[in-house]
């Protein structure tokens, strides 16, 4: 999760696509260069251990866009694909 947040912060769309599960991965990802990501708070997690096939990470990511500070909350589902963790989808919205 932290590496994907960092990829958003530095604009590395290729890394984000590579770490997205093949069943939900977009063909192309265009990041908005006007969005500045400022911090990540991990709020909780479940699973994701060395013998788990799935795990979730609940987070709040803070950003600034058009001069306005805001944040995005998500509870993300990660699954193993060929032995590597891949982002699958959000579990639920608030």
N, C-alpha and C. Protein backbone atom coordinates (compact mmCIF):
# COMPACT_ATOMS: atom_id res chain seq x y z
N UNK A 1 0.83 -1.19 0.00
CA UNK A 1 0.00 0.00 0.00
C UNK A 1 0.87 1.25 0.00
N UNK A 2 1.89 1.26 0.82
CA UNK A 2 2.74 2.46 0.88
C UNK A 2 3.44 2.71 -0.45
N UNK A 3 3.85 1.64 -1.11
CA UNK A 3 4.54 1.83 -2.39
C UNK A 3 3.57 2.35 -3.45
N UNK A 4 2.32 1.93 -3.41
CA UNK A 4 1.34 2.45 -4.37
C UNK A 4 1.02 3.91 -4.08
N UNK A 5 0.93 4.29 -2.82
CA UNK A 5 0.73 5.70 -2.48
C UNK A 5 1.91 6.53 -3.01
N UNK A 6 3.12 6.04 -2.79
CA UNK A 6 4.30 6.75 -3.28
C UNK A 6 4.24 6.90 -4.80
N UNK A 7 3.80 5.85 -5.49
CA UNK A 7 3.67 5.94 -6.95
C UNK A 7 2.67 7.02 -7.36
N UNK A 8 1.57 7.14 -6.63
CA UNK A 8 0.64 8.23 -6.91
C UNK A 8 1.33 9.57 -6.68
N UNK A 9 2.06 9.68 -5.57
CA UNK A 9 2.71 10.95 -5.19
C UNK A 9 3.75 11.39 -6.21
N UNK A 10 4.47 10.45 -6.81
CA UNK A 10 5.53 10.82 -7.77
C UNK A 10 5.06 10.68 -9.22
N UNK A 11 3.82 10.27 -9.42
CA UNK A 11 3.27 10.18 -10.76
C UNK A 11 3.72 8.97 -11.57
N UNK A 12 3.98 7.86 -10.89
CA UNK A 12 4.47 6.64 -11.56
C UNK A 12 3.29 5.73 -11.93
N UNK A 13 2.59 6.08 -13.00
CA UNK A 13 1.43 5.31 -13.43
C UNK A 13 1.81 3.89 -13.83
N UNK A 14 2.98 3.71 -14.40
CA UNK A 14 3.41 2.36 -14.83
C UNK A 14 3.51 1.42 -13.63
N UNK A 15 4.03 1.90 -12.51
CA UNK A 15 4.11 1.06 -11.30
C UNK A 15 2.70 0.71 -10.81
N UNK A 16 1.81 1.68 -10.82
CA UNK A 16 0.45 1.42 -10.36
C UNK A 16 -0.22 0.35 -11.21
N UNK A 17 -0.05 0.43 -12.51
CA UNK A 17 -0.64 -0.58 -13.40
C UNK A 17 -0.01 -1.95 -13.13
N UNK A 18 1.31 -2.00 -12.95
CA UNK A 18 1.99 -3.28 -12.68
C UNK A 18 1.53 -3.93 -11.39
N UNK A 19 1.13 -3.14 -10.40
CA UNK A 19 0.75 -3.68 -9.09
C UNK A 19 -0.76 -3.82 -8.94
N UNK A 20 -1.48 -3.69 -10.04
CA UNK A 20 -2.94 -3.86 -10.08
C UNK A 20 -3.23 -5.29 -10.52
N UNK A 21 -4.18 -5.94 -9.91
CA UNK A 21 -4.54 -7.31 -10.28
C UNK A 21 -5.00 -7.36 -11.73
N UNK A 22 -4.63 -8.39 -12.44
CA UNK A 22 -4.93 -8.48 -13.87
C UNK A 22 -6.43 -8.46 -14.18
N UNK A 23 -7.27 -8.89 -13.24
CA UNK A 23 -8.71 -8.95 -13.51
C UNK A 23 -9.39 -7.58 -13.40
N UNK A 24 -8.77 -6.62 -12.74
CA UNK A 24 -9.37 -5.30 -12.57
C UNK A 24 -8.47 -4.17 -13.08
N UNK A 25 -7.32 -4.51 -13.59
CA UNK A 25 -6.32 -3.53 -14.04
C UNK A 25 -6.84 -2.73 -15.23
N UNK A 26 -6.73 -1.40 -15.16
CA UNK A 26 -7.11 -0.61 -16.33
C UNK A 26 -6.05 -0.77 -17.43
N UNK A 27 -6.47 -0.62 -18.67
CA UNK A 27 -5.52 -0.71 -19.78
C UNK A 27 -4.56 0.47 -19.77
N UNK A 28 -5.06 1.58 -19.25
CA UNK A 28 -4.26 2.80 -19.21
C UNK A 28 -4.66 3.59 -17.98
N UNK A 29 -3.71 4.29 -17.40
CA UNK A 29 -3.98 5.09 -16.21
C UNK A 29 -3.36 6.46 -16.41
N UNK A 30 -4.20 7.48 -16.43
CA UNK A 30 -3.73 8.86 -16.56
C UNK A 30 -3.86 9.53 -15.20
N UNK A 31 -2.74 9.94 -14.62
CA UNK A 31 -2.74 10.61 -13.33
C UNK A 31 -2.84 12.11 -13.55
N UNK A 32 -3.53 12.79 -12.66
CA UNK A 32 -3.69 14.24 -12.75
C UNK A 32 -2.49 14.92 -12.10
N UNK A 33 -1.65 15.54 -12.89
CA UNK A 33 -0.44 16.19 -12.38
C UNK A 33 -0.76 17.40 -11.49
N UNK A 34 -2.00 17.88 -11.53
CA UNK A 34 -2.38 19.02 -10.69
C UNK A 34 -2.69 18.61 -9.25
N UNK A 35 -2.76 17.30 -9.00
CA UNK A 35 -3.02 16.79 -7.65
C UNK A 35 -1.69 16.54 -6.96
N UNK A 36 -1.53 17.11 -5.77
CA UNK A 36 -0.32 16.92 -4.98
C UNK A 36 -0.68 16.10 -3.75
N UNK A 37 -0.10 14.90 -3.68
CA UNK A 37 -0.35 14.01 -2.54
C UNK A 37 0.59 14.39 -1.41
N UNK A 38 0.08 14.53 -0.19
CA UNK A 38 0.90 15.05 0.91
C UNK A 38 1.15 14.07 2.05
N UNK A 39 0.23 13.14 2.31
CA UNK A 39 0.51 12.18 3.39
C UNK A 39 -0.48 11.03 3.34
N UNK A 40 -0.03 9.94 3.93
CA UNK A 40 -0.82 8.71 3.98
C UNK A 40 -0.95 8.28 5.43
N UNK A 41 -2.16 7.99 5.84
CA UNK A 41 -2.42 7.41 7.16
C UNK A 41 -3.00 6.03 6.97
N UNK A 42 -2.31 5.01 7.47
CA UNK A 42 -2.84 3.65 7.48
C UNK A 42 -3.73 3.55 8.72
N UNK A 43 -5.00 3.27 8.52
CA UNK A 43 -5.97 3.24 9.62
C UNK A 43 -6.18 1.83 10.17
N UNK A 44 -5.86 0.83 9.37
CA UNK A 44 -6.03 -0.54 9.82
C UNK A 44 -5.75 -1.51 8.69
N UNK A 45 -5.68 -2.77 9.05
CA UNK A 45 -5.46 -3.81 8.04
C UNK A 45 -5.96 -5.14 8.57
N UNK A 46 -6.17 -6.07 7.66
CA UNK A 46 -6.51 -7.44 8.04
C UNK A 46 -5.84 -8.37 7.05
N UNK A 47 -5.48 -9.56 7.52
CA UNK A 47 -4.81 -10.53 6.66
C UNK A 47 -3.50 -9.97 6.12
N UNK A 48 -3.10 -10.48 4.97
CA UNK A 48 -1.89 -9.98 4.35
C UNK A 48 -0.60 -10.58 4.87
N UNK A 49 -0.71 -11.63 5.67
CA UNK A 49 0.48 -12.27 6.21
C UNK A 49 1.14 -13.18 5.18
N UNK A 50 2.27 -13.77 5.55
CA UNK A 50 3.02 -14.59 4.60
C UNK A 50 2.26 -15.82 4.09
N UNK A 51 1.27 -16.30 4.84
CA UNK A 51 0.52 -17.48 4.41
C UNK A 51 -0.91 -17.13 3.96
N UNK A 52 -1.21 -15.83 3.88
CA UNK A 52 -2.54 -15.38 3.46
C UNK A 52 -2.59 -15.18 1.95
N UNK A 53 -3.77 -15.37 1.39
CA UNK A 53 -3.98 -15.12 -0.04
C UNK A 53 -4.60 -13.75 -0.28
N UNK A 54 -5.19 -13.17 0.78
CA UNK A 54 -5.82 -11.85 0.66
C UNK A 54 -5.47 -11.00 1.87
N UNK A 55 -5.69 -9.72 1.74
CA UNK A 55 -5.50 -8.79 2.83
C UNK A 55 -6.18 -7.48 2.49
N UNK A 56 -6.53 -6.73 3.50
CA UNK A 56 -7.11 -5.41 3.28
C UNK A 56 -6.27 -4.36 3.99
N UNK A 57 -6.29 -3.16 3.44
CA UNK A 57 -5.62 -2.01 4.06
C UNK A 57 -6.60 -0.85 4.01
N UNK A 58 -6.96 -0.35 5.19
CA UNK A 58 -7.80 0.83 5.28
C UNK A 58 -6.89 2.03 5.42
N UNK A 59 -7.11 3.06 4.60
CA UNK A 59 -6.22 4.22 4.64
C UNK A 59 -6.97 5.50 4.34
N UNK A 60 -6.32 6.59 4.68
CA UNK A 60 -6.76 7.93 4.27
C UNK A 60 -5.54 8.60 3.66
N UNK A 61 -5.66 9.02 2.40
CA UNK A 61 -4.59 9.70 1.68
C UNK A 61 -4.98 11.17 1.52
N UNK A 62 -4.08 12.06 1.91
CA UNK A 62 -4.34 13.50 1.87
C UNK A 62 -3.70 14.10 0.62
N UNK A 63 -4.41 15.05 0.04
CA UNK A 63 -3.92 15.68 -1.19
C UNK A 63 -4.43 17.10 -1.29
N UNK A 64 -3.84 17.84 -2.23
CA UNK A 64 -4.30 19.19 -2.57
C UNK A 64 -4.59 19.21 -4.06
N UNK A 65 -5.72 19.77 -4.41
CA UNK A 65 -6.12 19.91 -5.81
C UNK A 65 -6.83 21.26 -5.97
N UNK A 66 -6.44 22.00 -6.98
CA UNK A 66 -7.05 23.31 -7.24
C UNK A 66 -6.99 24.20 -6.01
N UNK A 67 -5.88 24.11 -5.25
CA UNK A 67 -5.69 24.95 -4.08
C UNK A 67 -6.50 24.53 -2.86
N UNK A 68 -7.17 23.39 -2.93
CA UNK A 68 -8.01 22.93 -1.82
C UNK A 68 -7.50 21.61 -1.28
N UNK A 69 -7.32 21.53 0.03
CA UNK A 69 -6.89 20.29 0.68
C UNK A 69 -8.09 19.37 0.85
N UNK A 70 -7.84 18.08 0.66
CA UNK A 70 -8.90 17.09 0.79
C UNK A 70 -8.26 15.76 1.12
N UNK A 71 -9.05 14.72 1.22
CA UNK A 71 -8.50 13.39 1.48
C UNK A 71 -9.40 12.34 0.82
N UNK A 72 -8.80 11.18 0.63
CA UNK A 72 -9.53 10.04 0.07
C UNK A 72 -9.42 8.90 1.06
N UNK A 73 -10.55 8.32 1.42
CA UNK A 73 -10.57 7.14 2.29
C UNK A 73 -10.87 5.93 1.43
N UNK A 74 -10.22 4.82 1.75
CA UNK A 74 -10.56 3.57 1.07
C UNK A 74 -10.15 2.40 1.96
N UNK A 75 -10.88 1.32 1.83
CA UNK A 75 -10.48 0.04 2.40
C UNK A 75 -10.19 -0.85 1.20
N UNK A 76 -8.91 -1.05 0.89
CA UNK A 76 -8.48 -1.72 -0.33
C UNK A 76 -8.27 -3.20 -0.11
N UNK A 77 -8.70 -3.98 -1.09
CA UNK A 77 -8.49 -5.42 -1.07
C UNK A 77 -7.29 -5.75 -1.95
N UNK A 78 -6.34 -6.49 -1.37
CA UNK A 78 -5.16 -6.97 -2.08
C UNK A 78 -5.22 -8.49 -2.12
N UNK A 79 -4.80 -9.06 -3.22
CA UNK A 79 -4.75 -10.52 -3.36
C UNK A 79 -3.41 -10.91 -3.97
N UNK A 80 -3.02 -12.14 -3.72
CA UNK A 80 -1.79 -12.63 -4.33
C UNK A 80 -2.07 -13.07 -5.76
N UNK A 81 -1.18 -12.69 -6.65
CA UNK A 81 -1.25 -13.12 -8.04
C UNK A 81 0.16 -13.51 -8.44
N UNK A 82 0.35 -14.79 -8.75
CA UNK A 82 1.68 -15.33 -9.07
C UNK A 82 2.68 -15.04 -7.96
N UNK A 83 2.20 -15.10 -6.71
CA UNK A 83 3.05 -14.93 -5.55
C UNK A 83 3.26 -13.49 -5.10
N UNK A 84 2.81 -12.52 -5.88
CA UNK A 84 2.99 -11.10 -5.53
C UNK A 84 1.66 -10.47 -5.13
N UNK A 85 1.73 -9.50 -4.21
CA UNK A 85 0.52 -8.79 -3.80
C UNK A 85 0.11 -7.83 -4.90
N UNK A 86 -1.19 -7.83 -5.21
CA UNK A 86 -1.76 -6.96 -6.23
C UNK A 86 -3.03 -6.31 -5.68
N UNK A 87 -3.20 -5.04 -5.99
CA UNK A 87 -4.43 -4.32 -5.64
C UNK A 87 -5.56 -4.88 -6.48
N UNK A 88 -6.68 -5.25 -5.84
CA UNK A 88 -7.83 -5.77 -6.57
C UNK A 88 -8.92 -4.73 -6.73
N UNK A 89 -9.40 -4.21 -5.58
CA UNK A 89 -10.53 -3.28 -5.63
C UNK A 89 -10.80 -2.72 -4.23
N UNK A 90 -11.60 -1.66 -4.15
CA UNK A 90 -12.03 -1.20 -2.83
C UNK A 90 -13.04 -2.18 -2.24
N UNK A 91 -12.99 -2.35 -0.93
CA UNK A 91 -13.92 -3.26 -0.25
C UNK A 91 -15.25 -2.57 -0.02
N UNK A 92 -15.23 -1.31 0.44
CA UNK A 92 -16.46 -0.59 0.74
C UNK A 92 -16.17 0.90 0.74
N UNK A 93 -17.19 1.67 0.51
CA UNK A 93 -17.08 3.12 0.58
C UNK A 93 -17.73 3.61 1.87
N UNK A 94 -17.28 4.77 2.28
CA UNK A 94 -17.92 5.41 3.44
C UNK A 94 -18.89 6.44 2.98
